[in-house]
Amino acid sequence: MATPQTNGFAERFNRTVREEFFDLVLRQKLYTGVEELQKDLNEWLRHYNYERPHQGYRNMGSRPIKTIKTFKKQH
């Protein structure tokens, strides 16, 4: 069951994907199939998780992959 906190994280992620990926690529490229769109989305998600700094209070400017690795080391 979703809580207000987790729903907020999901809603913010959905907004980021829409603003930083879909709003841009759908204006720049005509996709011929869902597989082609999925390939570009997968590349963007890799950038999102490994390269893009995050401003959320839990990441404090680091990338999500670093936050996950730090959490795993602590537990």
PDB file of N, CA and C in Angstrom:
ATOM      1  N   MET A   1       0.842  -1.182   0.000  1.00  0.00           N
ATOM      2  CA  MET A   1       0.000   0.000   0.000  1.00  0.00           C
ATOM      3  C   MET A   1       0.887   1.246   0.000  1.00  0.00           C
ATOM      4  N   ALA A   2       0.581   2.204  -0.823  1.00  0.00           N
ATOM      5  CA  ALA A   2       1.376   3.426  -0.927  1.00  0.00           C
ATOM      6  C   ALA A   2       1.066   4.354   0.237  1.00  0.00           C
ATOM      7  N   THR A   3       2.094   5.002   0.715  1.00  0.00           N
ATOM      8  CA  THR A   3       1.919   6.019   1.748  1.00  0.00           C
ATOM      9  C   THR A   3       2.140   7.378   1.104  1.00  0.00           C
ATOM     10  N   PRO A   4       1.732   8.456   1.755  1.00  0.00           N
ATOM     11  CA  PRO A   4       1.958   9.778   1.163  1.00  0.00           C
ATOM     12  C   PRO A   4       3.421  10.043   0.836  1.00  0.00           C
ATOM     13  N   GLN A   5       4.340   9.540   1.661  1.00  0.00           N
ATOM     14  CA  GLN A   5       5.758   9.769   1.412  1.00  0.00           C
ATOM     15  C   GLN A   5       6.213   9.053   0.141  1.00  0.00           C
ATOM     16  N   THR A   6       5.883   7.775   0.005  1.00  0.00           N
ATOM     17  CA  THR A   6       6.334   7.040  -1.170  1.00  0.00           C
ATOM     18  C   THR A   6       5.614   7.518  -2.418  1.00  0.00           C
ATOM     19  N   ASN A   7       4.361   7.898  -2.297  1.00  0.00           N
ATOM     20  CA  ASN A   7       3.643   8.415  -3.452  1.00  0.00           C
ATOM     21  C   ASN A   7       4.293   9.716  -3.924  1.00  0.00           C
ATOM     22  N   GLY A   8       4.751  10.545  -3.011  1.00  0.00           N
ATOM     23  CA  GLY A   8       5.440  11.784  -3.372  1.00  0.00           C
ATOM     24  C   GLY A   8       6.699  11.516  -4.165  1.00  0.00           C
ATOM     25  N   PHE A   9       7.466  10.506  -3.762  1.00  0.00           N
ATOM     26  CA  PHE A   9       8.679  10.145  -4.502  1.00  0.00           C
ATOM     27  C   PHE A   9       8.322   9.673  -5.907  1.00  0.00           C
ATOM     28  N   ALA A  10       7.286   8.840  -6.009  1.00  0.00           N
ATOM     29  CA  ALA A  10       6.872   8.332  -7.313  1.00  0.00           C
ATOM     30  C   ALA A  10       6.360   9.462  -8.203  1.00  0.00           C
ATOM     31  N   GLU A  11       5.570  10.362  -7.633  1.00  0.00           N
ATOM     32  CA  GLU A  11       5.044  11.474  -8.413  1.00  0.00           C
ATOM     33  C   GLU A  11       6.170  12.382  -8.900  1.00  0.00           C
ATOM     34  N   ARG A  12       7.167  12.628  -8.061  1.00  0.00           N
ATOM     35  CA  ARG A  12       8.283  13.472  -8.470  1.00  0.00           C
ATOM     36  C   ARG A  12       9.100  12.795  -9.574  1.00  0.00           C
ATOM     37  N   PHE A  13       9.318  11.497  -9.443  1.00  0.00           N
ATOM     38  CA  PHE A  13      10.037  10.767 -10.486  1.00  0.00           C
ATOM     39  C   PHE A  13       9.273  10.832 -11.806  1.00  0.00           C
ATOM     40  N   ASN A  14       7.954  10.610 -11.755  1.00  0.00           N
ATOM     41  CA  ASN A  14       7.136  10.661 -12.970  1.00  0.00           C
ATOM     42  C   ASN A  14       7.226  12.041 -13.631  1.00  0.00           C
ATOM     43  N   ARG A  15       7.210  13.084 -12.821  1.00  0.00           N
ATOM     44  CA  ARG A  15       7.322  14.442 -13.365  1.00  0.00           C
ATOM     45  C   ARG A  15       8.679  14.657 -14.024  1.00  0.00           C
ATOM     46  N   THR A  16       9.740  14.173 -13.382  1.00  0.00           N
ATOM     47  CA  THR A  16      11.083  14.316 -13.944  1.00  0.00           C
ATOM     48  C   THR A  16      11.199  13.574 -15.270  1.00  0.00           C
ATOM     49  N   VAL A  17      10.699  12.353 -15.341  1.00  0.00           N
ATOM     50  CA  VAL A  17      10.748  11.581 -16.588  1.00  0.00           C
ATOM     51  C   VAL A  17       9.988  12.328 -17.682  1.00  0.00           C
ATOM     52  N   ARG A  18       8.842  12.856 -17.339  1.00  0.00           N
ATOM     53  CA  ARG A  18       8.051  13.577 -18.341  1.00  0.00           C
ATOM     54  C   ARG A  18       8.786  14.830 -18.815  1.00  0.00           C
ATOM     55  N   GLU A  19       9.278  15.647 -17.871  1.00  0.00           N
ATOM     56  CA  GLU A  19       9.903  16.917 -18.231  1.00  0.00           C
ATOM     57  C   GLU A  19      11.265  16.754 -18.898  1.00  0.00           C
ATOM     58  N   GLU A  20      12.077  15.831 -18.396  1.00  0.00           N
ATOM     59  CA  GLU A  20      13.453  15.723 -18.882  1.00  0.00           C
ATOM     60  C   GLU A  20      13.631  14.700 -20.008  1.00  0.00           C
ATOM     61  N   PHE A  21      12.663  13.828 -20.184  1.00  0.00           N
ATOM     62  CA  PHE A  21      12.782  12.849 -21.265  1.00  0.00           C
ATOM     63  C   PHE A  21      11.657  12.993 -22.286  1.00  0.00           C
ATOM     64  N   PHE A  22      10.439  12.636 -21.905  1.00  0.00           N
ATOM     65  CA  PHE A  22       9.349  12.567 -22.875  1.00  0.00           C
ATOM     66  C   PHE A  22       9.057  13.903 -23.551  1.00  0.00           C
ATOM     67  N   ASP A  23       8.981  14.991 -22.784  1.00  0.00           N
ATOM     68  CA  ASP A  23       8.671  16.284 -23.392  1.00  0.00           C
ATOM     69  C   ASP A  23       9.713  16.685 -24.427  1.00  0.00           C
ATOM     70  N   LEU A  24      10.942  16.252 -24.256  1.00  0.00           N
ATOM     71  CA  LEU A  24      12.002  16.607 -25.196  1.00  0.00           C
ATOM     72  C   LEU A  24      12.063  15.663 -26.393  1.00  0.00           C
ATOM     73  N   VAL A  25      12.171  14.373 -26.135  1.00  0.00           N
ATOM     74  CA  VAL A  25      12.394  13.439 -27.248  1.00  0.00           C
ATOM     75  C   VAL A  25      11.193  13.319 -28.170  1.00  0.00           C
ATOM     76  N   LEU A  26       9.993  13.457 -27.640  1.00  0.00           N
ATOM     77  CA  LEU A  26       8.825  13.318 -28.504  1.00  0.00           C
ATOM     78  C   LEU A  26       8.656  14.512 -29.440  1.00  0.00           C
ATOM     79  N   ARG A  27       9.372  15.601 -29.155  1.00  0.00           N
ATOM     80  CA  ARG A  27       9.385  16.750 -30.065  1.00  0.00           C
ATOM     81  C   ARG A  27      10.517  16.647 -31.087  1.00  0.00           C
ATOM     82  N   GLN A  28      11.529  15.829 -30.781  1.00  0.00           N
ATOM     83  CA  GLN A  28      12.723  15.770 -31.617  1.00  0.00           C
ATOM     84  C   GLN A  28      12.771  14.563 -32.549  1.00  0.00           C
ATOM     85  N   LYS A  29      12.021  13.528 -32.216  1.00  0.00           N
ATOM     86  CA  LYS A  29      12.168  12.280 -32.951  1.00  0.00           C
ATOM     87  C   LYS A  29      10.806  11.640 -33.178  1.00  0.00           C
ATOM     88  N   LEU A  30      10.622  11.083 -34.368  1.00  0.00           N
ATOM     89  CA  LEU A  30       9.412  10.339 -34.674  1.00  0.00           C
ATOM     90  C   LEU A  30       9.728   8.852 -34.500  1.00  0.00           C
ATOM     91  N   TYR A  31       9.144   8.229 -33.490  1.00  0.00           N
ATOM     92  CA  TYR A  31       9.406   6.823 -33.201  1.00  0.00           C
ATOM     93  C   TYR A  31       8.524   5.939 -34.071  1.00  0.00           C
ATOM     94  N   THR A  32       9.126   4.880 -34.574  1.00  0.00           N
ATOM     95  CA  THR A  32       8.387   3.944 -35.416  1.00  0.00           C
ATOM     96  C   THR A  32       7.849   2.755 -34.626  1.00  0.00           C
ATOM     97  N   GLY A  33       8.284   2.622 -33.385  1.00  0.00           N
ATOM     98  CA  GLY A  33       7.805   1.525 -32.558  1.00  0.00           C
ATOM     99  C   GLY A  33       8.184   1.727 -31.107  1.00  0.00           C
ATOM    100  N   VAL A  34       7.513   0.989 -30.244  1.00  0.00           N
ATOM    101  CA  VAL A  34       7.744   1.121 -28.813  1.00  0.00           C
ATOM    102  C   VAL A  34       9.152   0.648 -28.432  1.00  0.00           C
ATOM    103  N   GLU A  35       9.693  -0.301 -29.184  1.00  0.00           N
ATOM    104  CA  GLU A  35      11.033  -0.810 -28.883  1.00  0.00           C
ATOM    105  C   GLU A  35      12.082   0.291 -29.016  1.00  0.00           C
ATOM    106  N   GLU A  36      11.941   1.126 -30.032  1.00  0.00           N
ATOM    107  CA  GLU A  36      12.864   2.239 -30.261  1.00  0.00           C
ATOM    108  C   GLU A  36      12.763   3.265 -29.128  1.00  0.00           C
ATOM    109  N   LEU A  37      11.539   3.576 -28.718  1.00  0.00           N
ATOM    110  CA  LEU A  37      11.322   4.492 -27.599  1.00  0.00           C
ATOM    111  C   LEU A  37      11.894   3.902 -26.313  1.00  0.00           C
ATOM    112  N   GLN A  38      11.676   2.607 -26.086  1.00  0.00           N
ATOM    113  CA  GLN A  38      12.189   1.950 -24.886  1.00  0.00           C
ATOM    114  C   GLN A  38      13.712   2.004 -24.830  1.00  0.00           C
ATOM    115  N   LYS A  39      14.372   1.831 -25.968  1.00  0.00           N
ATOM    116  CA  LYS A  39      15.833   1.908 -26.019  1.00  0.00           C
ATOM    117  C   LYS A  39      16.312   3.281 -25.569  1.00  0.00           C
ATOM    118  N   ASP A  40      15.695   4.339 -26.073  1.00  0.00           N
ATOM    119  CA  ASP A  40      16.085   5.698 -25.674  1.00  0.00           C
ATOM    120  C   ASP A  40      15.765   5.961 -24.201  1.00  0.00           C
ATOM    121  N   LEU A  41      14.628   5.457 -23.740  1.00  0.00           N
ATOM    122  CA  LEU A  41      14.275   5.620 -22.327  1.00  0.00           C
ATOM    123  C   LEU A  41      15.284   4.901 -21.437  1.00  0.00           C
ATOM    124  N   ASN A  42      15.699   3.691 -21.824  1.00  0.00           N
ATOM    125  CA  ASN A  42      16.698   2.954 -21.041  1.00  0.00           C
ATOM    126  C   ASN A  42      18.007   3.729 -20.951  1.00  0.00           C
ATOM    127  N   GLU A  43      18.410   4.365 -22.042  1.00  0.00           N
ATOM    128  CA  GLU A  43      19.631   5.179 -22.024  1.00  0.00           C
ATOM    129  C   GLU A  43      19.461   6.369 -21.093  1.00  0.00           C
ATOM    130  N   TRP A  44      18.293   6.999 -21.130  1.00  0.00           N
ATOM    131  CA  TRP A  44      18.047   8.140 -20.248  1.00  0.00           C
ATOM    132  C   TRP A  44      18.027   7.697 -18.775  1.00  0.00           C
ATOM    133  N   LEU A  45      17.421   6.553 -18.500  1.00  0.00           N
ATOM    134  CA  LEU A  45      17.377   6.050 -17.122  1.00  0.00           C
ATOM    135  C   LEU A  45      18.780   5.745 -16.597  1.00  0.00           C
ATOM    136  N   ARG A  46      19.651   5.257 -17.451  1.00  0.00           N
ATOM    137  CA  ARG A  46      21.033   5.029 -17.035  1.00  0.00           C
ATOM    138  C   ARG A  46      21.672   6.369 -16.665  1.00  0.00           C
ATOM    139  N   HIS A  47      21.467   7.368 -17.487  1.00  0.00           N
ATOM    140  CA  HIS A  47      21.976   8.711 -17.183  1.00  0.00           C
ATOM    141  C   HIS A  47      21.384   9.210 -15.858  1.00  0.00           C
ATOM    142  N   TYR A  48      20.096   9.035 -15.682  1.00  0.00           N
ATOM    143  CA  TYR A  48      19.391   9.487 -14.472  1.00  0.00           C
ATOM    144  C   TYR A  48      19.980   8.848 -13.214  1.00  0.00           C
ATOM    145  N   ASN A  49      20.262   7.566 -13.266  1.00  0.00           N
ATOM    146  CA  ASN A  49      20.727   6.841 -12.083  1.00  0.00           C
ATOM    147  C   ASN A  49      22.229   6.911 -11.839  1.00  0.00           C
ATOM    148  N   TYR A  50      23.025   7.060 -12.894  1.00  0.00           N
ATOM    149  CA  TYR A  50      24.485   6.974 -12.749  1.00  0.00           C
ATOM    150  C   TYR A  50      25.220   8.293 -12.961  1.00  0.00           C
ATOM    151  N   GLU A  51      24.630   9.247 -13.668  1.00  0.00           N
ATOM    152  CA  GLU A  51      25.365  10.457 -14.023  1.00  0.00           C
ATOM    153  C   GLU A  51      24.725  11.745 -13.519  1.00  0.00           C
ATOM    154  N   ARG A  52      23.432  11.818 -13.517  1.00  0.00           N
ATOM    155  CA  ARG A  52      22.718  13.055 -13.187  1.00  0.00           C
ATOM    156  C   ARG A  52      22.712  13.285 -11.676  1.00  0.00           C
ATOM    157  N   PRO A  53      23.241  14.425 -11.209  1.00  0.00           N
ATOM    158  CA  PRO A  53      23.163  14.741  -9.773  1.00  0.00           C
ATOM    159  C   PRO A  53      21.705  14.979  -9.365  1.00  0.00           C
ATOM    160  N   HIS A  54      21.340  14.522  -8.191  1.00  0.00           N
ATOM    161  CA  HIS A  54      19.975  14.678  -7.696  1.00  0.00           C
ATOM    162  C   HIS A  54      19.947  15.673  -6.550  1.00  0.00           C
ATOM    163  N   GLN A  55      18.901  16.470  -6.519  1.00  0.00           N
ATOM    164  CA  GLN A  55      18.793  17.522  -5.513  1.00  0.00           C
ATOM    165  C   GLN A  55      17.934  17.135  -4.311  1.00  0.00           C
ATOM    166  N   GLY A  56      17.339  15.971  -4.328  1.00  0.00           N
ATOM    167  CA  GLY A  56      16.501  15.535  -3.208  1.00  0.00           C
ATOM    168  C   GLY A  56      17.293  15.448  -1.916  1.00  0.00           C
ATOM    169  N   TYR A  57      16.613  15.637  -0.809  1.00  0.00           N
ATOM    170  CA  TYR A  57      17.294  15.666   0.488  1.00  0.00           C
ATOM    171  C   TYR A  57      17.978  14.341   0.819  1.00  0.00           C
ATOM    172  N   ARG A  58      17.526  13.249   0.264  1.00  0.00           N
ATOM    173  CA  ARG A  58      18.175  11.969   0.559  1.00  0.00           C
ATOM    174  C   ARG A  58      19.443  11.772  -0.248  1.00  0.00           C
ATOM    175  N   ASN A  59      19.528  12.365  -1.408  1.00  0.00           N
ATOM    176  CA  ASN A  59      20.721  12.204  -2.248  1.00  0.00           C
ATOM    177  C   ASN A  59      21.718  13.345  -2.073  1.00  0.00           C
ATOM    178  N   MET A  60      21.250  14.510  -1.705  1.00  0.00           N
ATOM    179  CA  MET A  60      22.102  15.671  -1.454  1.00  0.00           C
ATOM    180  C   MET A  60      23.130  15.898  -2.559  1.00  0.00           C
ATOM    181  N   GLY A  61      22.694  15.864  -3.799  1.00  0.00           N
ATOM    182  CA  GLY A  61      23.564  16.149  -4.922  1.00  0.00           C
ATOM    183  C   GLY A  61      24.285  14.958  -5.507  1.00  0.00           C
ATOM    184  N   SER A  62      24.210  13.811  -4.862  1.00  0.00           N
ATOM    185  CA  SER A  62      24.881  12.627  -5.412  1.00  0.00           C
ATOM    186  C   SER A  62      23.938  11.895  -6.362  1.00  0.00           C
ATOM    187  N   ARG A  63      24.467  10.876  -6.993  1.00  0.00           N
ATOM    188  CA  ARG A  63      23.674  10.077  -7.908  1.00  0.00           C
ATOM    189  C   ARG A  63      22.991   8.951  -7.143  1.00  0.00           C
ATOM    190  N   PRO A  64      21.819   8.487  -7.611  1.00  0.00           N
ATOM    191  CA  PRO A  64      21.110   7.418  -6.906  1.00  0.00           C
ATOM    192  C   PRO A  64      21.947   6.160  -6.711  1.00  0.00           C
ATOM    193  N   ILE A  65      22.776   5.795  -7.680  1.00  0.00           N
ATOM    194  CA  ILE A  65      23.569   4.576  -7.538  1.00  0.00           C
ATOM    195  C   ILE A  65      24.523   4.679  -6.345  1.00  0.00           C
ATOM    196  N   LYS A  66      25.066   5.860  -6.117  1.00  0.00           N
ATOM    197  CA  LYS A  66      25.956   6.057  -4.968  1.00  0.00           C
ATOM    198  C   LYS A  66      25.172   5.926  -3.665  1.00  0.00           C
ATOM    199  N   THR A  67      23.975   6.464  -3.626  1.00  0.00           N
ATOM    200  CA  THR A  67      23.136   6.358  -2.433  1.00  0.00           C
ATOM    201  C   THR A  67      22.811   4.899  -2.132  1.00  0.00           C
ATOM    202  N   ILE A  68      22.509   4.124  -3.159  1.00  0.00           N
ATOM    203  CA  ILE A  68      22.190   2.703  -2.976  1.00  0.00           C
ATOM    204  C   ILE A  68      23.409   1.944  -2.475  1.00  0.00           C
ATOM    205  N   LYS A  69      24.572   2.191  -3.060  1.00  0.00           N
ATOM    206  CA  LYS A  69      25.783   1.488  -2.631  1.00  0.00           C
ATOM    207  C   LYS A  69      26.150   1.845  -1.206  1.00  0.00           C
ATOM    208  N   THR A  70      25.979   3.102  -0.823  1.00  0.00           N
ATOM    209  CA  THR A  70      26.252   3.525   0.549  1.00  0.00           C
ATOM    210  C   THR A  70      25.303   2.831   1.512  1.00  0.00           C
ATOM    211  N   PHE A  71      24.034   2.750   1.170  1.00  0.00           N
ATOM    212  CA  PHE A  71      23.054   2.077   2.009  1.00  0.00           C
ATOM    213  C   PHE A  71      23.391   0.609   2.197  1.00  0.00           C
ATOM    214  N   LYS A  72      23.792  -0.053   1.109  1.00  0.00           N
ATOM    215  CA  LYS A  72      24.144  -1.482   1.186  1.00  0.00           C
ATOM    216  C   LYS A  72      25.332  -1.709   2.104  1.00  0.00           C
ATOM    217  N   LYS A  73      26.324  -0.814   2.063  1.00  0.00           N
ATOM    218  CA  LYS A  73      27.498  -0.952   2.932  1.00  0.00           C
ATOM    219  C   LYS A  73      27.123  -0.794   4.396  1.00  0.00           C
ATOM    220  N   GLN A  74      26.164   0.070   4.678  1.00  0.00           N
ATOM    221  CA  GLN A  74      25.773   0.326   6.057  1.00  0.00           C
ATOM    222  C   GLN A  74      24.905  -0.784   6.629  1.00  0.00           C
ATOM    223  N   HIS A  75      24.294  -1.577   5.765  1.00  0.00           N
ATOM    224  CA  HIS A  75      23.403  -2.637   6.245  1.00  0.00           C
ATOM    225  C   HIS A  75      23.915  -3.940   5.782  1.00  0.00           C
TER     226      HIS A  75
END
